[in-house]
PDB file of N, CA and C in Angstrom:
ATOM      1  N   MET A   1     -37.604  65.447   5.423  1.00  0.00           N
ATOM      2  CA  MET A   1     -38.422  64.147   5.695  1.00  0.00           C
ATOM      3  C   MET A   1     -38.285  63.183   4.612  1.00  0.00           C
ATOM      4  N   VAL A   2     -38.262  61.939   4.934  1.00  0.00           N
ATOM      5  CA  VAL A   2     -38.150  60.820   4.072  1.00  0.00           C
ATOM      6  C   VAL A   2     -39.591  60.727   3.305  1.00  0.00           C
ATOM      7  N   ASN A   3     -39.538  60.411   2.043  1.00  0.00           N
ATOM      8  CA  ASN A   3     -40.744  60.090   1.348  1.00  0.00           C
ATOM      9  C   ASN A   3     -41.197  58.605   1.648  1.00  0.00           C
ATOM     10  N   PRO A   4     -42.376  58.547   2.319  1.00  0.00           N
ATOM     11  CA  PRO A   4     -42.856  57.212   2.736  1.00  0.00           C
ATOM     12  C   PRO A   4     -43.240  56.249   1.505  1.00  0.00           C
ATOM     13  N   THR A   5     -43.473  56.917   0.266  1.00  0.00           N
ATOM     14  CA  THR A   5     -43.815  56.109  -0.894  1.00  0.00           C
ATOM     15  C   THR A   5     -42.597  55.625  -1.637  1.00  0.00           C
ATOM     16  N   LEU A   6     -41.598  55.307  -1.058  1.00  0.00           N
ATOM     17  CA  LEU A   6     -40.403  54.862  -1.716  1.00  0.00           C
ATOM     18  C   LEU A   6     -40.682  53.495  -2.490  1.00  0.00           C
ATOM     19  N   ASN A   7     -40.331  53.330  -3.622  1.00  0.00           N
ATOM     20  CA  ASN A   7     -40.594  52.128  -4.396  1.00  0.00           C
ATOM     21  C   ASN A   7     -39.822  50.993  -3.776  1.00  0.00           C
ATOM     22  N   GLU A   8     -40.249  49.781  -4.072  1.00  0.00           N
ATOM     23  CA  GLU A   8     -39.656  48.533  -3.524  1.00  0.00           C
ATOM     24  C   GLU A   8     -38.236  48.463  -3.822  1.00  0.00           C
ATOM     25  N   GLU A   9     -37.731  48.732  -4.983  1.00  0.00           N
ATOM     26  CA  GLU A   9     -36.328  48.591  -5.384  1.00  0.00           C
ATOM     27  C   GLU A   9     -35.506  49.601  -4.507  1.00  0.00           C
ATOM     28  N   ARG A  10     -35.990  50.776  -4.255  1.00  0.00           N
ATOM     29  CA  ARG A  10     -35.101  51.678  -3.503  1.00  0.00           C
ATOM     30  C   ARG A  10     -35.211  51.231  -2.058  1.00  0.00           C
ATOM     31  N   LEU A  11     -36.211  50.694  -1.480  1.00  0.00           N
ATOM     32  CA  LEU A  11     -36.258  50.157  -0.195  1.00  0.00           C
ATOM     33  C   LEU A  11     -35.308  48.983   0.014  1.00  0.00           C
ATOM     34  N   ARG A  12     -35.217  48.157  -1.015  1.00  0.00           N
ATOM     35  CA  ARG A  12     -34.325  47.012  -0.961  1.00  0.00           C
ATOM     36  C   ARG A  12     -32.877  47.432  -1.014  1.00  0.00           C
ATOM     37  N   LYS A  13     -32.535  48.556  -1.633  1.00  0.00           N
ATOM     38  CA  LYS A  13     -31.206  49.040  -1.625  1.00  0.00           C
ATOM     39  C   LYS A  13     -30.829  49.685  -0.386  1.00  0.00           C
ATOM     40  N   MET A  14     -31.915  50.034   0.467  1.00  0.00           N
ATOM     41  CA  MET A  14     -31.467  50.739   1.705  1.00  0.00           C
ATOM     42  C   MET A  14     -30.953  49.575   2.698  1.00  0.00           C
ATOM     43  N   LYS A  15     -30.081  50.101   3.503  1.00  0.00           N
ATOM     44  CA  LYS A  15     -29.563  49.095   4.499  1.00  0.00           C
ATOM     45  C   LYS A  15     -30.724  48.984   5.531  1.00  0.00           C
ATOM     46  N   ARG A  16     -30.571  47.678   6.168  1.00  0.00           N
ATOM     47  CA  ARG A  16     -31.672  47.339   7.071  1.00  0.00           C
ATOM     48  C   ARG A  16     -31.703  48.389   8.201  1.00  0.00           C
ATOM     49  N   ARG A  17     -30.550  48.824   8.646  1.00  0.00           N
ATOM     50  CA  ARG A  17     -30.427  49.685   9.805  1.00  0.00           C
ATOM     51  C   ARG A  17     -31.163  51.031   9.506  1.00  0.00           C
ATOM     52  N   LEU A  18     -31.059  51.632   8.317  1.00  0.00           N
ATOM     53  CA  LEU A  18     -31.650  52.743   7.933  1.00  0.00           C
ATOM     54  C   LEU A  18     -33.045  52.660   7.769  1.00  0.00           C
ATOM     55  N   ARG A  19     -33.592  51.462   7.213  1.00  0.00           N
ATOM     56  CA  ARG A  19     -34.920  51.259   7.097  1.00  0.00           C
ATOM     57  C   ARG A  19     -35.673  51.188   8.554  1.00  0.00           C
ATOM     58  N   LYS A  20     -34.894  50.554   9.581  1.00  0.00           N
ATOM     59  CA  LYS A  20     -35.379  50.448  10.804  1.00  0.00           C
ATOM     60  C   LYS A  20     -35.389  51.871  11.443  1.00  0.00           C
ATOM     61  N   LYS A  21     -34.385  52.689  11.316  1.00  0.00           N
ATOM     62  CA  LYS A  21     -34.289  54.047  11.816  1.00  0.00           C
ATOM     63  C   LYS A  21     -35.399  54.872  11.309  1.00  0.00           C
ATOM     64  N   LEU A  22     -35.790  54.703  10.111  1.00  0.00           N
ATOM     65  CA  LEU A  22     -36.769  55.469   9.420  1.00  0.00           C
ATOM     66  C   LEU A  22     -38.167  54.985   9.428  1.00  0.00           C
ATOM     67  N   TYR A  23     -38.479  53.817  10.132  1.00  0.00           N
ATOM     68  CA  TYR A  23     -39.652  53.095  10.110  1.00  0.00           C
ATOM     69  C   TYR A  23     -40.224  52.816   8.731  1.00  0.00           C
ATOM     70  N   LEU A  24     -39.421  52.279   7.817  1.00  0.00           N
ATOM     71  CA  LEU A  24     -39.836  51.976   6.495  1.00  0.00           C
ATOM     72  C   LEU A  24     -39.803  50.430   6.349  1.00  0.00           C
ATOM     73  N   GLY A  25     -40.409  50.116   5.122  1.00  0.00           N
ATOM     74  CA  GLY A  25     -40.418  48.623   4.851  1.00  0.00           C
ATOM     75  C   GLY A  25     -40.965  47.737   5.950  1.00  0.00           C
ATOM     76  N   GLU A  26     -40.241  46.749   6.307  1.00  0.00           N
ATOM     77  CA  GLU A  26     -40.789  45.791   7.368  1.00  0.00           C
ATOM     78  C   GLU A  26     -40.819  46.567   8.770  1.00  0.00           C
ATOM     79  N   PHE A  27     -40.300  47.642   8.847  1.00  0.00           N
ATOM     80  CA  PHE A  27     -40.316  48.362  10.232  1.00  0.00           C
ATOM     81  C   PHE A  27     -41.416  49.458  10.291  1.00  0.00           C
ATOM     82  N   GLN A  28     -42.254  49.585   9.109  1.00  0.00           N
ATOM     83  CA  GLN A  28     -43.388  50.533   9.217  1.00  0.00           C
ATOM     84  C   GLN A  28     -44.264  50.294  10.265  1.00  0.00           C
ATOM     85  N   GLU A  29     -44.809  51.322  10.819  1.00  0.00           N
ATOM     86  CA  GLU A  29     -45.864  51.222  11.925  1.00  0.00           C
ATOM     87  C   GLU A  29     -47.094  51.987  11.461  1.00  0.00           C
ATOM     88  N   HIS A  30     -48.234  51.322  11.708  1.00  0.00           N
ATOM     89  CA  HIS A  30     -49.559  51.986  11.428  1.00  0.00           C
ATOM     90  C   HIS A  30     -50.371  52.332  12.687  1.00  0.00           C
ATOM     91  N   ALA A  31     -51.336  53.117  12.438  1.00  0.00           N
ATOM     92  CA  ALA A  31     -52.116  53.648  13.634  1.00  0.00           C
ATOM     93  C   ALA A  31     -53.508  53.946  12.988  1.00  0.00           C
ATOM     94  N   PHE A  32     -54.435  54.226  13.773  1.00  0.00           N
ATOM     95  CA  PHE A  32     -55.732  54.773  13.317  1.00  0.00           C
ATOM     96  C   PHE A  32     -56.208  55.857  14.312  1.00  0.00           C
ATOM     97  N   GLU A  33     -57.035  56.794  13.803  1.00  0.00           N
ATOM     98  CA  GLU A  33     -57.545  57.743  14.593  1.00  0.00           C
ATOM     99  C   GLU A  33     -59.030  57.538  14.899  1.00  0.00           C
ATOM    100  N   LEU A  34     -59.481  58.030  16.099  1.00  0.00           N
ATOM    101  CA  LEU A  34     -60.885  57.795  16.472  1.00  0.00           C
ATOM    102  C   LEU A  34     -61.410  59.020  17.012  1.00  0.00           C
ATOM    103  N   LYS A  35     -62.787  59.356  16.855  1.00  0.00           N
ATOM    104  CA  LYS A  35     -63.564  60.411  17.378  1.00  0.00           C
ATOM    105  C   LYS A  35     -64.773  59.773  17.929  1.00  0.00           C
ATOM    106  N   VAL A  36     -65.095  60.041  19.209  1.00  0.00           N
ATOM    107  CA  VAL A  36     -66.250  59.501  19.816  1.00  0.00           C
ATOM    108  C   VAL A  36     -67.017  60.641  20.424  1.00  0.00           C
ATOM    109  N   SER A  37     -68.301  60.618  20.174  1.00  0.00           N
ATOM    110  CA  SER A  37     -69.297  61.599  20.818  1.00  0.00           C
ATOM    111  C   SER A  37     -70.163  60.890  21.797  1.00  0.00           C
ATOM    112  N   PHE A  38     -70.365  61.518  23.002  1.00  0.00           N
ATOM    113  CA  PHE A  38     -71.229  60.935  23.975  1.00  0.00           C
ATOM    114  C   PHE A  38     -72.690  61.515  23.738  1.00  0.00           C
ATOM    115  N   LYS A  39     -73.702  60.692  24.113  1.00  0.00           N
ATOM    116  CA  LYS A  39     -75.134  61.140  23.986  1.00  0.00           C
ATOM    117  C   LYS A  39     -75.307  62.508  24.764  1.00  0.00           C
ATOM    118  N   GLU A  40     -74.714  62.519  25.947  1.00  0.00           N
ATOM    119  CA  GLU A  40     -75.014  63.692  26.678  1.00  0.00           C
ATOM    120  C   GLU A  40     -73.536  63.850  27.591  1.00  0.00           C
ATOM    121  N   ALA A  41     -73.305  65.046  28.082  1.00  0.00           N
ATOM    122  CA  ALA A  41     -72.132  65.267  28.929  1.00  0.00           C
ATOM    123  C   ALA A  41     -72.081  64.306  30.086  1.00  0.00           C
ATOM    124  N   LEU A  42     -71.035  63.487  30.076  1.00  0.00           N
ATOM    125  CA  LEU A  42     -70.885  62.561  31.273  1.00  0.00           C
ATOM    126  C   LEU A  42     -70.403  63.244  32.575  1.00  0.00           C
ATOM    127  N   ASP A  43     -71.019  62.802  33.647  1.00  0.00           N
ATOM    128  CA  ASP A  43     -70.476  63.344  34.932  1.00  0.00           C
ATOM    129  C   ASP A  43     -69.154  62.720  35.180  1.00  0.00           C
ATOM    130  N   GLU A  44     -68.520  63.189  36.187  1.00  0.00           N
ATOM    131  CA  GLU A  44     -67.173  62.703  36.615  1.00  0.00           C
ATOM    132  C   GLU A  44     -67.053  61.233  36.689  1.00  0.00           C
ATOM    133  N   ASP A  45     -68.056  60.659  37.646  1.00  0.00           N
ATOM    134  CA  ASP A  45     -68.063  59.200  37.802  1.00  0.00           C
ATOM    135  C   ASP A  45     -68.160  58.405  36.530  1.00  0.00           C
ATOM    136  N   ALA A  46     -69.296  58.922  35.742  1.00  0.00           N
ATOM    137  CA  ALA A  46     -69.484  58.107  34.461  1.00  0.00           C
ATOM    138  C   ALA A  46     -68.351  58.186  33.484  1.00  0.00           C
ATOM    139  N   LEU A  47     -67.656  59.321  33.443  1.00  0.00           N
ATOM    140  CA  LEU A  47     -66.565  59.561  32.576  1.00  0.00           C
ATOM    141  C   LEU A  47     -65.420  58.599  33.007  1.00  0.00           C
ATOM    142  N   ASP A  48     -65.104  58.546  34.326  1.00  0.00           N
ATOM    143  CA  ASP A  48     -64.116  57.680  34.892  1.00  0.00           C
ATOM    144  C   ASP A  48     -64.377  56.234  34.566  1.00  0.00           C
ATOM    145  N   THR A  49     -65.731  55.883  34.731  1.00  0.00           N
ATOM    146  CA  THR A  49     -66.021  54.412  34.482  1.00  0.00           C
ATOM    147  C   THR A  49     -65.749  54.139  32.972  1.00  0.00           C
ATOM    148  N   PHE A  50     -66.261  55.084  32.054  1.00  0.00           N
ATOM    149  CA  PHE A  50     -66.109  54.747  30.763  1.00  0.00           C
ATOM    150  C   PHE A  50     -64.620  54.649  30.327  1.00  0.00           C
ATOM    151  N   LEU A  51     -63.825  55.624  30.818  1.00  0.00           N
ATOM    152  CA  LEU A  51     -62.440  55.743  30.441  1.00  0.00           C
ATOM    153  C   LEU A  51     -61.562  54.457  31.034  1.00  0.00           C
ATOM    154  N   ASP A  52     -61.963  53.974  32.161  1.00  0.00           N
ATOM    155  CA  ASP A  52     -61.364  52.780  32.737  1.00  0.00           C
ATOM    156  C   ASP A  52     -61.668  51.555  31.845  1.00  0.00           C
ATOM    157  N   ALA A  53     -62.927  51.474  31.453  1.00  0.00           N
ATOM    158  CA  ALA A  53     -63.391  50.374  30.648  1.00  0.00           C
ATOM    159  C   ALA A  53     -62.623  50.462  29.239  1.00  0.00           C
ATOM    160  N   PHE A  54     -62.536  51.659  28.558  1.00  0.00           N
ATOM    161  CA  PHE A  54     -62.068  51.930  27.412  1.00  0.00           C
ATOM    162  C   PHE A  54     -60.516  51.595  27.392  1.00  0.00           C
ATOM    163  N   ILE A  55     -59.874  52.096  28.325  1.00  0.00           N
ATOM    164  CA  ILE A  55     -58.355  51.755  28.523  1.00  0.00           C
ATOM    165  C   ILE A  55     -58.147  50.308  28.684  1.00  0.00           C
ATOM    166  N   ASP A  56     -58.920  49.677  29.550  1.00  0.00           N
ATOM    167  CA  ASP A  56     -58.819  48.121  29.716  1.00  0.00           C
ATOM    168  C   ASP A  56     -58.969  47.327  28.441  1.00  0.00           C
ATOM    169  N   TYR A  57     -60.003  47.858  27.616  1.00  0.00           N
ATOM    170  CA  TYR A  57     -60.298  47.176  26.462  1.00  0.00           C
ATOM    171  C   TYR A  57     -59.003  47.386  25.393  1.00  0.00           C
ATOM    172  N   VAL A  58     -58.583  48.624  25.230  1.00  0.00           N
ATOM    173  CA  VAL A  58     -57.378  48.936  24.399  1.00  0.00           C
ATOM    174  C   VAL A  58     -56.297  48.183  24.844  1.00  0.00           C
ATOM    175  N   GLU A  59     -55.919  48.211  26.075  1.00  0.00           N
ATOM    176  CA  GLU A  59     -54.726  47.500  26.538  1.00  0.00           C
ATOM    177  C   GLU A  59     -54.711  46.013  26.474  1.00  0.00           C
ATOM    178  N   ALA A  60     -55.938  45.404  26.515  1.00  0.00           N
ATOM    179  CA  ALA A  60     -56.061  44.033  26.412  1.00  0.00           C
ATOM    180  C   ALA A  60     -55.746  43.531  24.942  1.00  0.00           C
ATOM    181  N   ARG A  61     -55.930  44.484  23.969  1.00  0.00           N
ATOM    182  CA  ARG A  61     -55.731  44.122  22.583  1.00  0.00           C
ATOM    183  C   ARG A  61     -54.119  44.581  22.174  1.00  0.00           C
ATOM    184  N   GLU A  62     -53.553  44.877  23.239  1.00  0.00           N
ATOM    185  CA  GLU A  62     -52.008  45.265  23.200  1.00  0.00           C
ATOM    186  C   GLU A  62     -51.866  46.550  22.278  1.00  0.00           C
ATOM    187  N   LEU A  63     -52.718  47.619  22.645  1.00  0.00           N
ATOM    188  CA  LEU A  63     -52.707  48.794  21.928  1.00  0.00           C
ATOM    189  C   LEU A  63     -52.458  49.939  22.921  1.00  0.00           C
ATOM    190  N   ASP A  64     -52.127  51.092  22.427  1.00  0.00           N
ATOM    191  CA  ASP A  64     -52.187  52.310  23.275  1.00  0.00           C
ATOM    192  C   ASP A  64     -52.964  53.361  22.689  1.00  0.00           C
ATOM    193  N   TYR A  65     -53.705  54.179  23.545  1.00  0.00           N
ATOM    194  CA  TYR A  65     -54.372  55.155  23.104  1.00  0.00           C
ATOM    195  C   TYR A  65     -53.661  56.503  23.499  1.00  0.00           C
ATOM    196  N   ILE A  66     -53.520  57.422  22.447  1.00  0.00           N
ATOM    197  CA  ILE A  66     -52.894  58.741  22.755  1.00  0.00           C
ATOM    198  C   ILE A  66     -53.903  59.820  22.291  1.00  0.00           C
ATOM    199  N   GLY A  67     -54.441  60.488  23.140  1.00  0.00           N
ATOM    200  CA  GLY A  67     -55.369  61.505  22.774  1.00  0.00           C
ATOM    201  C   GLY A  67     -55.934  62.333  24.014  1.00  0.00           C
ATOM    202  N   GLY A  68     -57.117  62.941  23.703  1.00  0.00           N
ATOM    203  CA  GLY A  68     -57.746  63.719  24.706  1.00  0.00           C
ATOM    204  C   GLY A  68     -59.182  63.322  24.840  1.00  0.00           C
ATOM    205  N   PHE A  69     -59.840  63.927  25.975  1.00  0.00           N
ATOM    206  CA  PHE A  69     -61.292  63.632  26.192  1.00  0.00           C
ATOM    207  C   PHE A  69     -61.760  64.761  27.015  1.00  0.00           C
ATOM    208  N   ASP A  70     -63.071  64.915  27.103  1.00  0.00           N
ATOM    209  CA  ASP A  70     -63.822  65.689  27.979  1.00  0.00           C
ATOM    210  C   ASP A  70     -65.078  65.060  28.184  1.00  0.00           C
ATOM    211  N   PRO A  71     -66.053  65.646  28.956  1.00  0.00           N
ATOM    212  CA  PRO A  71     -67.342  64.953  29.264  1.00  0.00           C
ATOM    213  C   PRO A  71     -68.237  64.731  27.993  1.00  0.00           C
ATOM    214  N   LYS A  72     -67.936  65.438  26.863  1.00  0.00           N
ATOM    215  CA  LYS A  72     -68.734  65.295  25.676  1.00  0.00           C
ATOM    216  C   LYS A  72     -68.116  64.455  24.537  1.00  0.00           C
ATOM    217  N   TRP A  73     -66.821  64.244  24.631  1.00  0.00           N
ATOM    218  CA  TRP A  73     -66.082  63.547  23.617  1.00  0.00           C
ATOM    219  C   TRP A  73     -64.868  62.956  23.872  1.00  0.00           C
ATOM    220  N   LEU A  74     -64.397  62.057  23.019  1.00  0.00           N
ATOM    221  CA  LEU A  74     -62.955  61.442  23.155  1.00  0.00           C
ATOM    222  C   LEU A  74     -62.428  61.406  21.836  1.00  0.00           C
ATOM    223  N   GLU A  75     -61.164  61.793  21.658  1.00  0.00           N
ATOM    224  CA  GLU A  75     -60.584  61.862  20.330  1.00  0.00           C
ATOM    225  C   GLU A  75     -59.050  61.528  20.462  1.00  0.00           C
ATOM    226  N   GLY A  76     -58.608  60.822  19.564  1.00  0.00           N
ATOM    227  CA  GLY A  76     -57.127  60.470  19.512  1.00  0.00           C
ATOM    228  C   GLY A  76     -56.690  59.465  18.429  1.00  0.00           C
ATOM    229  N   THR A  77     -55.585  58.898  18.735  1.00  0.00           N
ATOM    230  CA  THR A  77     -54.898  58.024  17.957  1.00  0.00           C
ATOM    231  C   THR A  77     -54.555  56.671  18.783  1.00  0.00           C
ATOM    232  N   VAL A  78     -54.789  55.528  18.028  1.00  0.00           N
ATOM    233  CA  VAL A  78     -54.600  54.201  18.535  1.00  0.00           C
ATOM    234  C   VAL A  78     -53.453  53.550  17.777  1.00  0.00           C
ATOM    235  N   MET A  79     -52.458  53.044  18.527  1.00  0.00           N
ATOM    236  CA  MET A  79     -51.201  52.437  18.069  1.00  0.00           C
ATOM    237  C   MET A  79     -50.965  51.178  18.747  1.00  0.00           C
ATOM    238  N   ALA A  80     -50.011  50.368  18.197  1.00  0.00           N
ATOM    239  CA  ALA A  80     -49.754  49.141  18.971  1.00  0.00           C
ATOM    240  C   ALA A  80     -48.757  49.510  20.158  1.00  0.00           C
ATOM    241  N   ASN A  81     -48.764  48.824  21.160  1.00  0.00           N
ATOM    242  CA  ASN A  81     -47.995  49.145  22.419  1.00  0.00           C
ATOM    243  C   ASN A  81     -46.545  48.551  22.245  1.00  0.00           C
ATOM    244  N   LYS A  82     -46.225  47.991  21.080  1.00  0.00           N
ATOM    245  CA  LYS A  82     -44.862  47.462  20.917  1.00  0.00           C
ATOM    246  C   LYS A  82     -44.223  48.239  19.818  1.00  0.00           C
ATOM    247  N   ARG A  83     -42.898  48.362  19.781  1.00  0.00           N
ATOM    248  CA  ARG A  83     -42.157  49.082  18.738  1.00  0.00           C
ATOM    249  C   ARG A  83     -42.221  48.100  17.541  1.00  0.00           C
ATOM    250  N   TYR A  84     -42.242  48.866  16.421  1.00  0.00           N
ATOM    251  CA  TYR A  84     -42.331  48.009  15.146  1.00  0.00           C
ATOM    252  C   TYR A  84     -43.476  47.137  14.904  1.00  0.00           C
ATOM    253  N   ALA A  85     -44.624  47.442  15.599  1.00  0.00           N
ATOM    254  CA  ALA A  85     -45.823  46.633  15.397  1.00  0.00           C
ATOM    255  C   ALA A  85     -46.848  47.635  15.122  1.00  0.00           C
ATOM    256  N   SER A  86     -47.999  47.025  14.606  1.00  0.00           N
ATOM    257  CA  SER A  86     -49.263  47.814  14.131  1.00  0.00           C
ATOM    258  C   SER A  86     -50.519  47.248  14.590  1.00  0.00           C
ATOM    259  N   PRO A  87     -51.437  48.008  14.848  1.00  0.00           N
ATOM    260  CA  PRO A  87     -52.853  47.517  15.071  1.00  0.00           C
ATOM    261  C   PRO A  87     -53.309  46.693  13.655  1.00  0.00           C
ATOM    262  N   SER A  88     -54.066  45.731  13.885  1.00  0.00           N
ATOM    263  CA  SER A  88     -54.580  44.953  12.763  1.00  0.00           C
ATOM    264  C   SER A  88     -56.014  45.700  12.303  1.00  0.00           C
ATOM    265  N   GLU A  89     -56.456  45.177  11.182  1.00  0.00           N
ATOM    266  CA  GLU A  89     -57.775  45.603  10.723  1.00  0.00           C
ATOM    267  C   GLU A  89     -58.819  45.023  11.771  1.00  0.00           C
ATOM    268  N   ASP A  90     -58.571  43.912  12.313  1.00  0.00           N
ATOM    269  CA  ASP A  90     -59.389  43.255  13.304  1.00  0.00           C
ATOM    270  C   ASP A  90     -59.459  44.150  14.561  1.00  0.00           C
ATOM    271  N   ASP A  91     -58.332  44.623  14.968  1.00  0.00           N
ATOM    272  CA  ASP A  91     -58.324  45.589  16.096  1.00  0.00           C
ATOM    273  C   ASP A  91     -59.144  46.798  15.905  1.00  0.00           C
ATOM    274  N   ARG A  92     -58.956  47.322  14.689  1.00  0.00           N
ATOM    275  CA  ARG A  92     -59.756  48.613  14.360  1.00  0.00           C
ATOM    276  C   ARG A  92     -61.287  48.304  14.522  1.00  0.00           C
ATOM    277  N   LYS A  93     -61.726  47.238  13.775  1.00  0.00           N
ATOM    278  CA  LYS A  93     -63.154  46.878  13.811  1.00  0.00           C
ATOM    279  C   LYS A  93     -63.690  46.498  15.077  1.00  0.00           C
ATOM    280  N   ALA A  94     -62.821  45.791  15.887  1.00  0.00           N
ATOM    281  CA  ALA A  94     -63.294  45.395  17.274  1.00  0.00           C
ATOM    282  C   ALA A  94     -63.449  46.548  18.080  1.00  0.00           C
ATOM    283  N   LEU A  95     -62.531  47.515  18.020  1.00  0.00           N
ATOM    284  CA  LEU A  95     -62.721  48.729  18.902  1.00  0.00           C
ATOM    285  C   LEU A  95     -63.945  49.519  18.482  1.00  0.00           C
ATOM    286  N   GLU A  96     -64.131  49.625  17.218  1.00  0.00           N
ATOM    287  CA  GLU A  96     -65.280  50.355  16.674  1.00  0.00           C
ATOM    288  C   GLU A  96     -66.547  49.661  17.193  1.00  0.00           C
ATOM    289  N   SER A  97     -66.686  48.292  17.161  1.00  0.00           N
ATOM    290  CA  SER A  97     -67.838  47.638  17.587  1.00  0.00           C
ATOM    291  C   SER A  97     -67.936  47.774  19.078  1.00  0.00           C
ATOM    292  N   TRP A  98     -66.903  47.690  19.787  1.00  0.00           N
ATOM    293  CA  TRP A  98     -66.955  47.838  21.288  1.00  0.00           C
ATOM    294  C   TRP A  98     -67.602  49.275  21.661  1.00  0.00           C
ATOM    295  N   LEU A  99     -67.132  50.303  20.962  1.00  0.00           N
ATOM    296  CA  LEU A  99     -67.476  51.723  21.092  1.00  0.00           C
ATOM    297  C   LEU A  99     -68.983  51.834  20.773  1.00  0.00           C
ATOM    298  N   ASN A 100     -69.395  51.192  19.698  1.00  0.00           N
ATOM    299  CA  ASN A 100     -70.719  51.444  19.317  1.00  0.00           C
ATOM    300  C   ASN A 100     -71.814  50.697  20.226  1.00  0.00           C
ATOM    301  N   ALA A 101     -71.300  49.668  20.929  1.00  0.00           N
ATOM    302  CA  ALA A 101     -72.095  48.943  21.827  1.00  0.00           C
ATOM    303  C   ALA A 101     -72.202  49.623  23.246  1.00  0.00           C
ATOM    304  N   ARG A 102     -71.543  50.595  23.397  1.00  0.00           N
ATOM    305  CA  ARG A 102     -71.614  51.313  24.714  1.00  0.00           C
ATOM    306  C   ARG A 102     -72.929  52.224  24.782  1.00  0.00           C
ATOM    307  N   SER A 103     -73.573  52.205  25.823  1.00  0.00           N
ATOM    308  CA  SER A 103     -74.883  53.101  25.828  1.00  0.00           C
ATOM    309  C   SER A 103     -74.588  54.549  25.918  1.00  0.00           C
ATOM    310  N   GLU A 104     -73.399  54.961  26.356  1.00  0.00           N
ATOM    311  CA  GLU A 104     -73.092  56.416  26.528  1.00  0.00           C
ATOM    312  C   GLU A 104     -72.682  56.942  25.099  1.00  0.00           C
ATOM    313  N   VAL A 105     -72.369  56.237  24.128  1.00  0.00           N
ATOM    314  CA  VAL A 105     -71.800  56.670  22.886  1.00  0.00           C
ATOM    315  C   VAL A 105     -72.895  56.897  21.843  1.00  0.00           C
ATOM    316  N   THR A 106     -72.836  58.078  21.254  1.00  0.00           N
ATOM    317  CA  THR A 106     -73.858  58.367  20.153  1.00  0.00           C
ATOM    318  C   THR A 106     -73.234  58.223  18.709  1.00  0.00           C
ATOM    319  N   ASN A 107     -72.002  58.541  18.598  1.00  0.00           N
ATOM    320  CA  ASN A 107     -71.294  58.667  17.211  1.00  0.00           C
ATOM    321  C   ASN A 107     -69.848  58.143  17.398  1.00  0.00           C
ATOM    322  N   VAL A 108     -69.392  57.322  16.426  1.00  0.00           N
ATOM    323  CA  VAL A 108     -68.040  56.682  16.468  1.00  0.00           C
ATOM    324  C   VAL A 108     -67.521  56.968  15.118  1.00  0.00           C
ATOM    325  N   GLU A 109     -66.331  57.672  14.844  1.00  0.00           N
ATOM    326  CA  GLU A 109     -65.712  57.829  13.565  1.00  0.00           C
ATOM    327  C   GLU A 109     -64.239  57.175  13.838  1.00  0.00           C
ATOM    328  N   ILE A 110     -63.985  56.205  13.021  1.00  0.00           N
ATOM    329  CA  ILE A 110     -62.573  55.573  13.048  1.00  0.00           C
ATOM    330  C   ILE A 110     -61.942  55.655  11.707  1.00  0.00           C
ATOM    331  N   SER A 111     -60.811  56.168  11.580  1.00  0.00           N
ATOM    332  CA  SER A 111     -60.054  56.302  10.305  1.00  0.00           C
ATOM    333  C   SER A 111     -59.564  54.914   9.836  1.00  0.00           C
ATOM    334  N   GLU A 112     -59.085  54.819   8.497  1.00  0.00           N
ATOM    335  CA  GLU A 112     -58.437  53.754   8.001  1.00  0.00           C
ATOM    336  C   GLU A 112     -57.076  53.651   8.717  1.00  0.00           C
ATOM    337  N   LEU A 113     -56.364  52.621   8.606  1.00  0.00           N
ATOM    338  CA  LEU A 113     -54.952  52.492   9.111  1.00  0.00           C
ATOM    339  C   LEU A 113     -54.066  53.455   8.243  1.00  0.00           C
ATOM    340  N   PHE A 114     -53.181  54.101   8.932  1.00  0.00           N
ATOM    341  CA  PHE A 114     -52.206  55.088   8.159  1.00  0.00           C
ATOM    342  C   PHE A 114     -50.807  54.940   8.763  1.00  0.00           C
ATOM    343  N   ASP A 115     -49.945  55.365   7.985  1.00  0.00           N
ATOM    344  CA  ASP A 115     -48.533  55.282   8.507  1.00  0.00           C
ATOM    345  C   ASP A 115     -48.337  56.154   9.714  1.00  0.00           C
ATOM    346  N   ALA A 116     -48.012  55.535  10.879  1.00  0.00           N
ATOM    347  CA  ALA A 116     -48.001  56.385  12.113  1.00  0.00           C
ATOM    348  C   ALA A 116     -46.772  57.349  12.143  1.00  0.00           C
ATOM    349  N   TRP A 117     -45.771  57.184  11.294  1.00  0.00           N
ATOM    350  CA  TRP A 117     -44.764  58.142  11.294  1.00  0.00           C
ATOM    351  C   TRP A 117     -44.811  59.192  10.078  1.00  0.00           C
ATOM    352  N   TYR A 118     -45.473  58.894   8.997  1.00  0.00           N
ATOM    353  CA  TYR A 118     -45.435  59.791   7.901  1.00  0.00           C
ATOM    354  C   TYR A 118     -46.825  60.263   7.537  1.00  0.00           C
ATOM    355  N   GLY A 119     -47.878  59.823   8.246  1.00  0.00           N
ATOM    356  CA  GLY A 119     -49.193  60.324   7.991  1.00  0.00           C
ATOM    357  C   GLY A 119     -49.910  59.590   6.934  1.00  0.00           C
ATOM    358  N   PHE A 120     -51.038  60.159   6.537  1.00  0.00           N
ATOM    359  CA  PHE A 120     -51.887  59.613   5.466  1.00  0.00           C
ATOM    360  C   PHE A 120     -51.204  59.685   4.117  1.00  0.00           C
ATOM    361  N   GLU A 121     -51.284  58.727   3.357  1.00  0.00           N
ATOM    362  CA  GLU A 121     -50.645  58.882   1.955  1.00  0.00           C
ATOM    363  C   GLU A 121     -51.497  59.355   0.974  1.00  0.00           C
TER     364      GLU A 121
END
């Protein structure tokens, strides 16, 4: 595995093609994780309604959600829906605010942005 904390000089010496292949430098992609707890277990209709609204909101910000859910929780990773792009800090905060505003939600935990290919530094 490539060390994601390569110094700037070493990155500059790498060919652009290699940086792109390894998602380093200008091709680095970020993501953030989220954990949501519901006030009470949602029935099937309420869960479908929540998930439809959640996915619509995420996709409207040109993001993708990768993860799982059940009637009591939702947990996963959020990334940009385009290659070599990343969610912004504004995207992260907006999603957190949207989730906190939902009546079904009791707790929201959202991580800081991290390297989507090499994990937390």
